PDB file of N, CA and C in Angstrom:
ATOM      1  N   MET A   1      -3.397 -13.206  11.832  1.00  0.00           N
ATOM      2  CA  MET A   1      -2.161 -13.816  11.394  1.00  0.00           C
ATOM      3  C   MET A   1      -1.010 -13.259  12.215  1.00  0.00           C
ATOM      4  N   LYS A   2      -0.173 -14.123  12.680  1.00  0.00           N
ATOM      5  CA  LYS A   2       0.970 -13.716  13.488  1.00  0.00           C
ATOM      6  C   LYS A   2       2.199 -13.609  12.579  1.00  0.00           C
ATOM      7  N   PHE A   3       2.743 -12.404  12.429  1.00  0.00           N
ATOM      8  CA  PHE A   3       3.888 -12.208  11.547  1.00  0.00           C
ATOM      9  C   PHE A   3       5.198 -12.604  12.206  1.00  0.00           C
ATOM     10  N   PHE A   4       5.377 -12.246  13.457  1.00  0.00           N
ATOM     11  CA  PHE A   4       6.652 -12.464  14.112  1.00  0.00           C
ATOM     12  C   PHE A   4       6.497 -13.463  15.242  1.00  0.00           C
ATOM     13  N   THR A   5       7.134 -14.606  15.082  1.00  0.00           N
ATOM     14  CA  THR A   5       7.132 -15.603  16.147  1.00  0.00           C
ATOM     15  C   THR A   5       8.553 -15.744  16.654  1.00  0.00           C
ATOM     16  N   PHE A   6       8.709 -16.260  17.854  1.00  0.00           N
ATOM     17  CA  PHE A   6      10.041 -16.417  18.436  1.00  0.00           C
ATOM     18  C   PHE A   6      10.906 -17.262  17.509  1.00  0.00           C
ATOM     19  N   GLY A   7      12.068 -16.749  17.144  1.00  0.00           N
ATOM     20  CA  GLY A   7      12.986 -17.483  16.286  1.00  0.00           C
ATOM     21  C   GLY A   7      12.805 -17.206  14.806  1.00  0.00           C
ATOM     22  N   SER A   8      11.758 -16.491  14.434  1.00  0.00           N
ATOM     23  CA  SER A   8      11.522 -16.165  13.029  1.00  0.00           C
ATOM     24  C   SER A   8      12.446 -15.032  12.603  1.00  0.00           C
ATOM     25  N   LYS A   9      13.289 -15.295  11.588  1.00  0.00           N
ATOM     26  CA  LYS A   9      14.258 -14.295  11.171  1.00  0.00           C
ATOM     27  C   LYS A   9      14.215 -14.009   9.677  1.00  0.00           C
ATOM     28  N   ASP A  10      13.556 -14.829   8.897  1.00  0.00           N
ATOM     29  CA  ASP A  10      13.596 -14.692   7.448  1.00  0.00           C
ATOM     30  C   ASP A  10      12.356 -13.962   6.935  1.00  0.00           C
ATOM     31  N   ILE A  11      12.489 -12.637   6.831  1.00  0.00           N
ATOM     32  CA  ILE A  11      11.396 -11.797   6.360  1.00  0.00           C
ATOM     33  C   ILE A  11      11.958 -10.858   5.299  1.00  0.00           C
ATOM     34  N   GLY A  12      11.169 -10.616   4.274  1.00  0.00           N
ATOM     35  CA  GLY A  12      11.566  -9.676   3.228  1.00  0.00           C
ATOM     36  C   GLY A  12      10.513  -8.598   3.104  1.00  0.00           C
ATOM     37  N   ILE A  13      10.931  -7.344   3.057  1.00  0.00           N
ATOM     38  CA  ILE A  13      10.005  -6.226   2.913  1.00  0.00           C
ATOM     39  C   ILE A  13      10.424  -5.422   1.694  1.00  0.00           C
ATOM     40  N   ASP A  14       9.515  -5.276   0.750  1.00  0.00           N
ATOM     41  CA  ASP A  14       9.764  -4.521  -0.475  1.00  0.00           C
ATOM     42  C   ASP A  14       8.898  -3.272  -0.431  1.00  0.00           C
ATOM     43  N   LEU A  15       9.534  -2.122  -0.197  1.00  0.00           N
ATOM     44  CA  LEU A  15       8.811  -0.849  -0.154  1.00  0.00           C
ATOM     45  C   LEU A  15       8.807  -0.252  -1.553  1.00  0.00           C
ATOM     46  N   GLY A  16       8.060  -0.870  -2.439  1.00  0.00           N
ATOM     47  CA  GLY A  16       8.010  -0.459  -3.834  1.00  0.00           C
ATOM     48  C   GLY A  16       7.257   0.843  -4.044  1.00  0.00           C
ATOM     49  N   THR A  17       7.310   1.329  -5.266  1.00  0.00           N
ATOM     50  CA  THR A  17       6.644   2.582  -5.620  1.00  0.00           C
ATOM     51  C   THR A  17       5.130   2.419  -5.586  1.00  0.00           C
ATOM     52  N   ALA A  18       4.616   1.345  -6.171  1.00  0.00           N
ATOM     53  CA  ALA A  18       3.170   1.147  -6.263  1.00  0.00           C
ATOM     54  C   ALA A  18       2.606   0.269  -5.147  1.00  0.00           C
ATOM     55  N   ASN A  19       3.370  -0.731  -4.710  1.00  0.00           N
ATOM     56  CA  ASN A  19       2.891  -1.686  -3.706  1.00  0.00           C
ATOM     57  C   ASN A  19       3.969  -1.992  -2.678  1.00  0.00           C
ATOM     58  N   ILE A  20       3.514  -2.352  -1.485  1.00  0.00           N
ATOM     59  CA  ILE A  20       4.388  -2.836  -0.429  1.00  0.00           C
ATOM     60  C   ILE A  20       4.160  -4.342  -0.317  1.00  0.00           C
ATOM     61  N   LEU A  21       5.242  -5.109  -0.364  1.00  0.00           N
ATOM     62  CA  LEU A  21       5.160  -6.561  -0.245  1.00  0.00           C
ATOM     63  C   LEU A  21       5.932  -7.016   0.980  1.00  0.00           C
ATOM     64  N   VAL A  22       5.356  -7.961   1.710  1.00  0.00           N
ATOM     65  CA  VAL A  22       6.047  -8.594   2.830  1.00  0.00           C
ATOM     66  C   VAL A  22       6.032 -10.093   2.548  1.00  0.00           C
ATOM     67  N   THR A  23       7.222 -10.692   2.589  1.00  0.00           N
ATOM     68  CA  THR A  23       7.322 -12.133   2.369  1.00  0.00           C
ATOM     69  C   THR A  23       7.958 -12.801   3.584  1.00  0.00           C
ATOM     70  N   LEU A  24       7.540 -14.014   3.841  1.00  0.00           N
ATOM     71  CA  LEU A  24       8.122 -14.832   4.912  1.00  0.00           C
ATOM     72  C   LEU A  24       8.645 -16.123   4.308  1.00  0.00           C
ATOM     73  N   LYS A  25       9.826 -16.540   4.753  1.00  0.00           N
ATOM     74  CA  LYS A  25      10.414 -17.780   4.265  1.00  0.00           C
ATOM     75  C   LYS A  25       9.466 -18.940   4.551  1.00  0.00           C
ATOM     76  N   GLY A  26       9.190 -19.698   3.517  1.00  0.00           N
ATOM     77  CA  GLY A  26       8.313 -20.855   3.657  1.00  0.00           C
ATOM     78  C   GLY A  26       6.836 -20.536   3.474  1.00  0.00           C
ATOM     79  N   LYS A  27       6.487 -19.245   3.469  1.00  0.00           N
ATOM     80  CA  LYS A  27       5.082 -18.859   3.323  1.00  0.00           C
ATOM     81  C   LYS A  27       4.830 -18.009   2.083  1.00  0.00           C
ATOM     82  N   GLY A  28       5.871 -17.395   1.547  1.00  0.00           N
ATOM     83  CA  GLY A  28       5.705 -16.528   0.377  1.00  0.00           C
ATOM     84  C   GLY A  28       5.184 -15.155   0.779  1.00  0.00           C
ATOM     85  N   ILE A  29       4.440 -14.543  -0.132  1.00  0.00           N
ATOM     86  CA  ILE A  29       3.909 -13.195   0.118  1.00  0.00           C
ATOM     87  C   ILE A  29       2.777 -13.282   1.136  1.00  0.00           C
ATOM     88  N   VAL A  30       2.911 -12.545   2.241  1.00  0.00           N
ATOM     89  CA  VAL A  30       1.875 -12.533   3.276  1.00  0.00           C
ATOM     90  C   VAL A  30       1.146 -11.197   3.331  1.00  0.00           C
ATOM     91  N   LEU A  31       1.684 -10.187   2.638  1.00  0.00           N
ATOM     92  CA  LEU A  31       1.016  -8.889   2.587  1.00  0.00           C
ATOM     93  C   LEU A  31       1.349  -8.224   1.266  1.00  0.00           C
ATOM     94  N   LYS A  32       0.326  -7.751   0.556  1.00  0.00           N
ATOM     95  CA  LYS A  32       0.504  -7.000  -0.682  1.00  0.00           C
ATOM     96  C   LYS A  32      -0.533  -5.884  -0.663  1.00  0.00           C
ATOM     97  N   GLU A  33      -0.067  -4.668  -0.444  1.00  0.00           N
ATOM     98  CA  GLU A  33      -0.953  -3.512  -0.320  1.00  0.00           C
ATOM     99  C   GLU A  33      -0.419  -2.361  -1.164  1.00  0.00           C
ATOM    100  N   PRO A  34      -1.310  -1.541  -1.714  1.00  0.00           N
ATOM    101  CA  PRO A  34      -0.861  -0.344  -2.422  1.00  0.00           C
ATOM    102  C   PRO A  34      -0.131   0.604  -1.469  1.00  0.00           C
ATOM    103  N   SER A  35       0.861   1.305  -1.992  1.00  0.00           N
ATOM    104  CA  SER A  35       1.636   2.273  -1.197  1.00  0.00           C
ATOM    105  C   SER A  35       0.896   3.612  -1.181  1.00  0.00           C
ATOM    106  N   VAL A  36      -0.249   3.647  -0.505  1.00  0.00           N
ATOM    107  CA  VAL A  36      -1.089   4.839  -0.462  1.00  0.00           C
ATOM    108  C   VAL A  36      -1.503   5.103   0.982  1.00  0.00           C
ATOM    109  N   VAL A  37      -1.464   6.369   1.386  1.00  0.00           N
ATOM    110  CA  VAL A  37      -1.921   6.776   2.715  1.00  0.00           C
ATOM    111  C   VAL A  37      -2.869   7.962   2.542  1.00  0.00           C
ATOM    112  N   ALA A  38      -4.044   7.899   3.158  1.00  0.00           N
ATOM    113  CA  ALA A  38      -4.993   9.017   3.142  1.00  0.00           C
ATOM    114  C   ALA A  38      -4.828   9.792   4.447  1.00  0.00           C
ATOM    115  N   ILE A  39      -4.578  11.099   4.319  1.00  0.00           N
ATOM    116  CA  ILE A  39      -4.341  11.954   5.481  1.00  0.00           C
ATOM    117  C   ILE A  39      -5.358  13.084   5.508  1.00  0.00           C
ATOM    118  N   ASP A  40      -5.950  13.326   6.666  1.00  0.00           N
ATOM    119  CA  ASP A  40      -6.889  14.429   6.847  1.00  0.00           C
ATOM    120  C   ASP A  40      -6.105  15.746   6.762  1.00  0.00           C
ATOM    121  N   LYS A  41      -6.468  16.598   5.812  1.00  0.00           N
ATOM    122  CA  LYS A  41      -5.734  17.857   5.616  1.00  0.00           C
ATOM    123  C   LYS A  41      -5.831  18.795   6.815  1.00  0.00           C
ATOM    124  N   LYS A  42      -6.945  18.755   7.522  1.00  0.00           N
ATOM    125  CA  LYS A  42      -7.138  19.670   8.660  1.00  0.00           C
ATOM    126  C   LYS A  42      -6.359  19.234   9.897  1.00  0.00           C
ATOM    127  N   THR A  43      -6.388  17.934  10.196  1.00  0.00           N
ATOM    128  CA  THR A  43      -5.785  17.448  11.447  1.00  0.00           C
ATOM    129  C   THR A  43      -4.422  16.775  11.251  1.00  0.00           C
ATOM    130  N   GLY A  44      -4.142  16.337  10.029  1.00  0.00           N
ATOM    131  CA  GLY A  44      -2.907  15.606   9.777  1.00  0.00           C
ATOM    132  C   GLY A  44      -2.990  14.147  10.191  1.00  0.00           C
ATOM    133  N   ALA A  45      -4.160  13.714  10.640  1.00  0.00           N
ATOM    134  CA  ALA A  45      -4.346  12.330  11.094  1.00  0.00           C
ATOM    135  C   ALA A  45      -4.419  11.377   9.901  1.00  0.00           C
ATOM    136  N   ILE A  46      -3.880  10.184  10.076  1.00  0.00           N
ATOM    137  CA  ILE A  46      -3.978   9.155   9.049  1.00  0.00           C
ATOM    138  C   ILE A  46      -5.394   8.593   9.078  1.00  0.00           C
ATOM    139  N   MET A  47      -6.059   8.653   7.936  1.00  0.00           N
ATOM    140  CA  MET A  47      -7.444   8.175   7.833  1.00  0.00           C
ATOM    141  C   MET A  47      -7.515   6.728   7.343  1.00  0.00           C
ATOM    142  N   ALA A  48      -6.598   6.354   6.439  1.00  0.00           N
ATOM    143  CA  ALA A  48      -6.616   5.003   5.875  1.00  0.00           C
ATOM    144  C   ALA A  48      -5.271   4.727   5.220  1.00  0.00           C
ATOM    145  N   THR A  49      -4.986   3.428   5.026  1.00  0.00           N
ATOM    146  CA  THR A  49      -3.773   3.017   4.322  1.00  0.00           C
ATOM    147  C   THR A  49      -4.127   1.905   3.342  1.00  0.00           C
ATOM    148  N   GLY A  50      -3.222   1.647   2.414  1.00  0.00           N
ATOM    149  CA  GLY A  50      -3.371   0.514   1.505  1.00  0.00           C
ATOM    150  C   GLY A  50      -4.590   0.583   0.608  1.00  0.00           C
ATOM    151  N   ASN A  51      -5.278  -0.552   0.491  1.00  0.00           N
ATOM    152  CA  ASN A  51      -6.440  -0.655  -0.402  1.00  0.00           C
ATOM    153  C   ASN A  51      -7.534   0.344  -0.055  1.00  0.00           C
ATOM    154  N   GLU A  52      -7.774   0.543   1.237  1.00  0.00           N
ATOM    155  CA  GLU A  52      -8.822   1.482   1.662  1.00  0.00           C
ATOM    156  C   GLU A  52      -8.477   2.909   1.225  1.00  0.00           C
ATOM    157  N   ALA A  53      -7.243   3.314   1.373  1.00  0.00           N
ATOM    158  CA  ALA A  53      -6.821   4.652   0.963  1.00  0.00           C
ATOM    159  C   ALA A  53      -6.869   4.799  -0.552  1.00  0.00           C
ATOM    160  N   LYS A  54      -6.515   3.749  -1.266  1.00  0.00           N
ATOM    161  CA  LYS A  54      -6.557   3.788  -2.737  1.00  0.00           C
ATOM    162  C   LYS A  54      -7.996   3.963  -3.223  1.00  0.00           C
ATOM    163  N   GLU A  55      -8.927   3.291  -2.577  1.00  0.00           N
ATOM    164  CA  GLU A  55     -10.348   3.426  -2.931  1.00  0.00           C
ATOM    165  C   GLU A  55     -10.837   4.847  -2.649  1.00  0.00           C
ATOM    166  N   MET A  56     -10.396   5.440  -1.529  1.00  0.00           N
ATOM    167  CA  MET A  56     -10.773   6.823  -1.212  1.00  0.00           C
ATOM    168  C   MET A  56     -10.232   7.774  -2.288  1.00  0.00           C
ATOM    169  N   LEU A  57      -9.005   7.545  -2.727  1.00  0.00           N
ATOM    170  CA  LEU A  57      -8.392   8.368  -3.772  1.00  0.00           C
ATOM    171  C   LEU A  57      -9.170   8.240  -5.074  1.00  0.00           C
ATOM    172  N   ARG A  58      -9.556   7.021  -5.418  1.00  0.00           N
ATOM    173  CA  ARG A  58     -10.328   6.778  -6.644  1.00  0.00           C
ATOM    174  C   ARG A  58     -11.655   7.517  -6.602  1.00  0.00           C
ATOM    175  N   LYS A  59     -12.363   7.420  -5.479  1.00  0.00           N
ATOM    176  CA  LYS A  59     -13.659   8.102  -5.349  1.00  0.00           C
ATOM    177  C   LYS A  59     -13.496   9.610  -5.398  1.00  0.00           C
ATOM    178  N   ASN A  60     -12.472  10.139  -4.746  1.00  0.00           N
ATOM    179  CA  ASN A  60     -12.233  11.574  -4.722  1.00  0.00           C
ATOM    180  C   ASN A  60     -11.881  12.089  -6.119  1.00  0.00           C
ATOM    181  N   THR A  61     -11.085  11.327  -6.856  1.00  0.00           N
ATOM    182  CA  THR A  61     -10.699  11.714  -8.211  1.00  0.00           C
ATOM    183  C   THR A  61     -11.933  11.768  -9.119  1.00  0.00           C
ATOM    184  N   ARG A  62     -12.807  10.788  -9.001  1.00  0.00           N
ATOM    185  CA  ARG A  62     -14.060  10.783  -9.794  1.00  0.00           C
ATOM    186  C   ARG A  62     -14.927  11.983  -9.447  1.00  0.00           C
ATOM    187  N   ALA A  63     -15.061  12.278  -8.176  1.00  0.00           N
ATOM    188  CA  ALA A  63     -15.901  13.406  -7.743  1.00  0.00           C
ATOM    189  C   ALA A  63     -15.366  14.725  -8.284  1.00  0.00           C
ATOM    190  N   ASN A  64     -14.048  14.891  -8.272  1.00  0.00           N
ATOM    191  CA  ASN A  64     -13.435  16.114  -8.777  1.00  0.00           C
ATOM    192  C   ASN A  64     -13.561  16.236 -10.289  1.00  0.00           C
ATOM    193  N   GLN A  65     -13.576  15.127 -11.016  1.00  0.00           N
ATOM    194  CA  GLN A  65     -13.725  15.158 -12.462  1.00  0.00           C
ATOM    195  C   GLN A  65     -15.147  15.525 -12.863  1.00  0.00           C
ATOM    196  N   SER A  66     -16.118  15.215 -11.997  1.00  0.00           N
ATOM    197  CA  SER A  66     -17.526  15.521 -12.269  1.00  0.00           C
ATOM    198  C   SER A  66     -17.835  16.992 -12.053  1.00  0.00           C
ATOM    199  N   SER A  67     -17.030  17.675 -11.266  1.00  0.00           N
ATOM    200  CA  SER A  67     -17.301  19.082 -10.926  1.00  0.00           C
ATOM    201  C   SER A  67     -17.014  20.001 -12.076  1.00  0.00           C
TER     202      SER A  67
END
């Protein structure tokens, strides 16, 4: 999907607490992702963002509760 085309000026970005939304005039919401980033503690590298990072957090939380 191409977000920015020549002459396209009507974009809305909502950096919400739980979700990030991107809307385009005439198209509505084109991106809705959780505001989550998974970072490797050792290297500081970004491992995942959005839904993938939220799933990693969910799995990690379950594993820690089982211990």
